[in-house]
Amino acid sequence: MLALPSEIDFCNASGLLPLIMTVVEQRSDGLRLLVLDLSGTRFMDSQGVRLLSAVRRGLPGHASLRVVAAPGSVASRVLELSGLRRDVPVHDNLAEALRAESGTAGSGLR
């Protein structure tokens, strides 16, 4: 699980990608799930969407991506408007994202 910053935009998105992918590469042998936590992200623009798309494309084939975004938050709305939710599961909180991986997903998947 990686918590992302309170703002994701053109100023920091390009710097976040190598940081995230370094973590992925360090754990690529056993990495099955990467959860990116946007619950503290108050602002996100299209660069945040591009970041999440690039992370998803960069994951090893055996790993999956989940995103945590508070309902009604800017991050949640941006993910909805961009259509990224079709490709990346978005959950209300970390517990729901982890339950979804273990096969006991509740109604938190949005």
C-alpha atoms as a PDB file:
ATOM      1  CA  MET A   1       0.000   0.000   0.000  1.00  0.00           C
ATOM      2  CA  LEU A   2       1.320   3.410  -0.946  1.00  0.00           C
ATOM      3  CA  ALA A   3      -0.280   6.640   0.207  1.00  0.00           C
ATOM      4  CA  LEU A   4      -0.174   9.307  -2.465  1.00  0.00           C
ATOM      5  CA  PRO A   5       0.239  13.034  -1.730  1.00  0.00           C
ATOM      6  CA  SER A   6      -2.501  15.564  -1.082  1.00  0.00           C
ATOM      7  CA  GLU A   7      -2.073  16.988  -4.595  1.00  0.00           C
ATOM      8  CA  ILE A   8      -1.259  15.197  -7.820  1.00  0.00           C
ATOM      9  CA  ASP A   9      -0.745  17.483 -10.791  1.00  0.00           C
ATOM     10  CA  PHE A  10       1.812  18.513 -13.404  1.00  0.00           C
ATOM     11  CA  CYS A  11       4.233  19.619 -10.677  1.00  0.00           C
ATOM     12  CA  ASN A  12       4.700  16.208  -9.075  1.00  0.00           C
ATOM     13  CA  ALA A  13       3.086  13.420 -11.133  1.00  0.00           C
ATOM     14  CA  SER A  14       6.151  12.746 -13.269  1.00  0.00           C
ATOM     15  CA  GLY A  15       8.291  12.411 -10.130  1.00  0.00           C
ATOM     16  CA  LEU A  16       5.843  10.033  -8.465  1.00  0.00           C
ATOM     17  CA  LEU A  17       5.965   7.433 -11.226  1.00  0.00           C
ATOM     18  CA  PRO A  18       9.624   6.435 -10.732  1.00  0.00           C
ATOM     19  CA  LEU A  19       9.121   6.302  -6.963  1.00  0.00           C
ATOM     20  CA  ILE A  20       6.128   3.976  -7.286  1.00  0.00           C
ATOM     21  CA  MET A  21       7.786   1.807  -9.904  1.00  0.00           C
ATOM     22  CA  THR A  22      10.909   1.454  -7.749  1.00  0.00           C
ATOM     23  CA  VAL A  23       8.752  -0.049  -5.012  1.00  0.00           C
ATOM     24  CA  VAL A  24       7.108  -2.333  -7.579  1.00  0.00           C
ATOM     25  CA  GLU A  25      10.493  -3.482  -8.921  1.00  0.00           C
ATOM     26  CA  GLN A  26      11.842  -4.139  -5.425  1.00  0.00           C
ATOM     27  CA  ARG A  27       8.879  -6.404  -4.706  1.00  0.00           C
ATOM     28  CA  SER A  28       8.225  -7.798  -8.167  1.00  0.00           C
ATOM     29  CA  ASP A  29       8.900 -11.418  -7.128  1.00  0.00           C
ATOM     30  CA  GLY A  30       6.029 -11.595  -4.674  1.00  0.00           C
ATOM     31  CA  LEU A  31       3.961  -8.552  -5.561  1.00  0.00           C
ATOM     32  CA  ARG A  32       0.378  -9.633  -6.185  1.00  0.00           C
ATOM     33  CA  LEU A  33      -1.407  -6.437  -5.242  1.00  0.00           C
ATOM     34  CA  LEU A  34      -0.546  -2.752  -5.247  1.00  0.00           C
ATOM     35  CA  VAL A  35      -2.967  -0.462  -3.458  1.00  0.00           C
ATOM     36  CA  LEU A  36      -2.591   3.253  -4.120  1.00  0.00           C
ATOM     37  CA  ASP A  37      -4.275   5.275  -1.410  1.00  0.00           C
ATOM     38  CA  LEU A  38      -5.810   8.531  -2.641  1.00  0.00           C
ATOM     39  CA  SER A  39      -7.902   9.060   0.478  1.00  0.00           C
ATOM     40  CA  GLY A  40      -5.723  12.009   1.480  1.00  0.00           C
ATOM     41  CA  THR A  41      -5.561  13.455  -2.031  1.00  0.00           C
ATOM     42  CA  ARG A  42      -7.486  16.729  -2.092  1.00  0.00           C
ATOM     43  CA  PHE A  43      -6.580  17.732  -5.657  1.00  0.00           C
ATOM     44  CA  MET A  44      -5.899  15.622  -8.720  1.00  0.00           C
ATOM     45  CA  ASP A  45      -5.992  16.562 -12.381  1.00  0.00           C
ATOM     46  CA  SER A  46      -5.438  14.616 -15.585  1.00  0.00           C
ATOM     47  CA  GLN A  47      -1.808  14.058 -14.635  1.00  0.00           C
ATOM     48  CA  GLY A  48      -3.016  11.898 -11.756  1.00  0.00           C
ATOM     49  CA  VAL A  49      -5.049   9.814 -14.188  1.00  0.00           C
ATOM     50  CA  ARG A  50      -2.010   9.442 -16.424  1.00  0.00           C
ATOM     51  CA  LEU A  51       0.062   8.428 -13.410  1.00  0.00           C
ATOM     52  CA  LEU A  52      -2.366   5.674 -12.405  1.00  0.00           C
ATOM     53  CA  SER A  53      -2.577   4.442 -16.008  1.00  0.00           C
ATOM     54  CA  ALA A  54       1.215   4.302 -16.274  1.00  0.00           C
ATOM     55  CA  VAL A  55       1.474   2.402 -12.991  1.00  0.00           C
ATOM     56  CA  ARG A  56      -1.138  -0.092 -14.163  1.00  0.00           C
ATOM     57  CA  ARG A  57       0.724  -0.663 -17.424  1.00  0.00           C
ATOM     58  CA  GLY A  58       4.023  -1.043 -15.576  1.00  0.00           C
ATOM     59  CA  LEU A  59       2.884  -3.733 -13.148  1.00  0.00           C
ATOM     60  CA  PRO A  60       4.070  -7.294 -13.695  1.00  0.00           C
ATOM     61  CA  GLY A  61       1.431  -9.526 -15.265  1.00  0.00           C
ATOM     62  CA  HIS A  62       0.728 -11.369 -12.007  1.00  0.00           C
ATOM     63  CA  ALA A  63       0.056  -8.163 -10.027  1.00  0.00           C
ATOM     64  CA  SER A  64      -3.126  -6.148  -9.813  1.00  0.00           C
ATOM     65  CA  LEU A  65      -3.818  -2.534  -8.930  1.00  0.00           C
ATOM     66  CA  ARG A  66      -6.469  -1.262  -6.548  1.00  0.00           C
ATOM     67  CA  VAL A  67      -7.161   2.366  -5.678  1.00  0.00           C
ATOM     68  CA  VAL A  68      -8.619   3.799  -2.485  1.00  0.00           C
ATOM     69  CA  ALA A  69     -10.514   7.076  -2.902  1.00  0.00           C
ATOM     70  CA  ALA A  70     -13.001   8.575  -0.488  1.00  0.00           C
ATOM     71  CA  PRO A  71     -16.535   8.740  -1.902  1.00  0.00           C
ATOM     72  CA  GLY A  72     -17.323  12.197  -3.227  1.00  0.00           C
ATOM     73  CA  SER A  73     -13.681  13.294  -3.131  1.00  0.00           C
ATOM     74  CA  VAL A  74     -11.992  15.133  -5.981  1.00  0.00           C
ATOM     75  CA  ALA A  75      -9.887  12.052  -6.724  1.00  0.00           C
ATOM     76  CA  SER A  76     -12.980   9.860  -6.879  1.00  0.00           C
ATOM     77  CA  ARG A  77     -14.749  12.270  -9.234  1.00  0.00           C
ATOM     78  CA  VAL A  78     -11.703  12.592 -11.498  1.00  0.00           C
ATOM     79  CA  LEU A  79     -11.435   8.798 -11.735  1.00  0.00           C
ATOM     80  CA  GLU A  80     -15.130   8.615 -12.623  1.00  0.00           C
ATOM     81  CA  LEU A  81     -14.998  11.371 -15.250  1.00  0.00           C
ATOM     82  CA  SER A  82     -11.843  10.000 -16.857  1.00  0.00           C
ATOM     83  CA  GLY A  83     -13.262   6.494 -17.191  1.00  0.00           C
ATOM     84  CA  LEU A  84     -10.295   4.969 -15.378  1.00  0.00           C
ATOM     85  CA  ARG A  85     -12.685   3.206 -13.009  1.00  0.00           C
ATOM     86  CA  ARG A  86     -13.518   0.815 -15.838  1.00  0.00           C
ATOM     87  CA  ASP A  87      -9.929  -0.451 -15.750  1.00  0.00           C
ATOM     88  CA  VAL A  88      -8.925  -0.011 -12.110  1.00  0.00           C
ATOM     89  CA  PRO A  89     -11.067  -1.058  -9.141  1.00  0.00           C
ATOM     90  CA  VAL A  90     -11.723   1.860  -6.783  1.00  0.00           C
ATOM     91  CA  HIS A  91     -12.675   1.230  -3.153  1.00  0.00           C
ATOM     92  CA  ASP A  92     -13.937   3.472  -0.353  1.00  0.00           C
ATOM     93  CA  ASN A  93     -11.174   2.473   2.073  1.00  0.00           C
ATOM     94  CA  LEU A  94      -8.110   0.283   2.477  1.00  0.00           C
ATOM     95  CA  ALA A  95      -9.939  -2.518   4.275  1.00  0.00           C
ATOM     96  CA  GLU A  96     -12.345  -2.921   1.349  1.00  0.00           C
ATOM     97  CA  ALA A  97      -9.498  -2.948  -1.176  1.00  0.00           C
ATOM     98  CA  LEU A  98      -7.721  -5.682   0.755  1.00  0.00           C
ATOM     99  CA  ARG A  99     -10.918  -7.726   1.214  1.00  0.00           C
ATOM    100  CA  ALA A 100     -11.480  -7.571  -2.531  1.00  0.00           C
ATOM    101  CA  GLU A 101      -8.075  -9.187  -3.069  1.00  0.00           C
ATOM    102  CA  SER A 102      -8.890 -12.008  -0.690  1.00  0.00           C
ATOM    103  CA  GLY A 103     -12.123 -12.669  -2.532  1.00  0.00           C
ATOM    104  CA  THR A 104     -14.493 -11.303   0.114  1.00  0.00           C
ATOM    105  CA  ALA A 105     -15.355  -8.007  -1.514  1.00  0.00           C
ATOM    106  CA  GLY A 106     -18.322  -6.192  -0.115  1.00  0.00           C
ATOM    107  CA  SER A 107     -20.284  -3.308  -1.509  1.00  0.00           C
ATOM    108  CA  GLY A 108     -17.272  -0.971  -1.299  1.00  0.00           C
ATOM    109  CA  LEU A 109     -16.301  -1.483  -4.922  1.00  0.00           C
ATOM    110  CA  ARG A 110     -17.512   1.506  -6.864  1.00  0.00           C
END
